Amino acid sequence: MRDGKYDEINKKKTPDIVKTIREFMKLMLNSLNYGF
């Protein structure tokens, strides 16, 4: 039971982290484009 709950939490957290990283990458790329 405990492992199952832990896995569920990880599944929910991971996409958020990936989304954040992708958004950050987009912002960085946009900054570079405007910078040059």
C-alpha atoms as a PDB file:
ATOM      1  CA  MET A   1       0.000   0.000   0.000  1.00  0.00           C
ATOM      2  CA  ARG A   2       2.693   2.476   1.000  1.00  0.00           C
ATOM      3  CA  ASP A   3       4.724   1.833  -2.153  1.00  0.00           C
ATOM      4  CA  GLY A   4       1.626   2.253  -4.314  1.00  0.00           C
ATOM      5  CA  LYS A   5       0.827   5.619  -2.761  1.00  0.00           C
ATOM      6  CA  TYR A   6       4.454   6.721  -3.146  1.00  0.00           C
ATOM      7  CA  ASP A   7       4.404   5.758  -6.837  1.00  0.00           C
ATOM      8  CA  GLU A   8       1.173   7.713  -7.368  1.00  0.00           C
ATOM      9  CA  ILE A   9       2.696  10.812  -5.756  1.00  0.00           C
ATOM     10  CA  ASN A  10       5.787  10.493  -7.962  1.00  0.00           C
ATOM     11  CA  LYS A  11       3.633  10.132 -11.083  1.00  0.00           C
ATOM     12  CA  LYS A  12       1.763  13.319 -10.166  1.00  0.00           C
ATOM     13  CA  LYS A  13       4.919  15.268  -9.262  1.00  0.00           C
ATOM     14  CA  THR A  14       7.060  14.287 -12.244  1.00  0.00           C
ATOM     15  CA  PRO A  15       4.903  15.920 -14.972  1.00  0.00           C
ATOM     16  CA  ASP A  16       4.854  19.170 -12.965  1.00  0.00           C
ATOM     17  CA  ILE A  17       8.664  19.153 -12.803  1.00  0.00           C
ATOM     18  CA  VAL A  18       8.897  18.394 -16.523  1.00  0.00           C
ATOM     19  CA  LYS A  19       6.407  21.169 -17.294  1.00  0.00           C
ATOM     20  CA  THR A  20       8.395  23.636 -15.191  1.00  0.00           C
ATOM     21  CA  ILE A  21      11.650  22.689 -16.920  1.00  0.00           C
ATOM     22  CA  ARG A  22      10.044  22.997 -20.362  1.00  0.00           C
ATOM     23  CA  GLU A  23       8.560  26.400 -19.501  1.00  0.00           C
ATOM     24  CA  PHE A  24      11.956  27.525 -18.174  1.00  0.00           C
ATOM     25  CA  MET A  25      13.665  26.317 -21.363  1.00  0.00           C
ATOM     26  CA  LYS A  26      11.117  28.222 -23.475  1.00  0.00           C
ATOM     27  CA  LEU A  27      11.735  31.398 -21.469  1.00  0.00           C
ATOM     28  CA  MET A  28      15.511  30.961 -21.823  1.00  0.00           C
ATOM     29  CA  LEU A  29      15.228  30.425 -25.592  1.00  0.00           C
ATOM     30  CA  ASN A  30      12.962  33.480 -25.913  1.00  0.00           C
ATOM     31  CA  SER A  31      15.444  35.554 -23.888  1.00  0.00           C
ATOM     32  CA  LEU A  32      18.289  34.448 -26.169  1.00  0.00           C
ATOM     33  CA  ASN A  33      16.255  35.238 -29.288  1.00  0.00           C
ATOM     34  CA  TYR A  34      15.458  38.739 -28.018  1.00  0.00           C
ATOM     35  CA  GLY A  35      19.033  39.187 -26.747  1.00  0.00           C
ATOM     36  CA  PHE A  36      20.469  38.589 -30.196  1.00  0.00           C
END
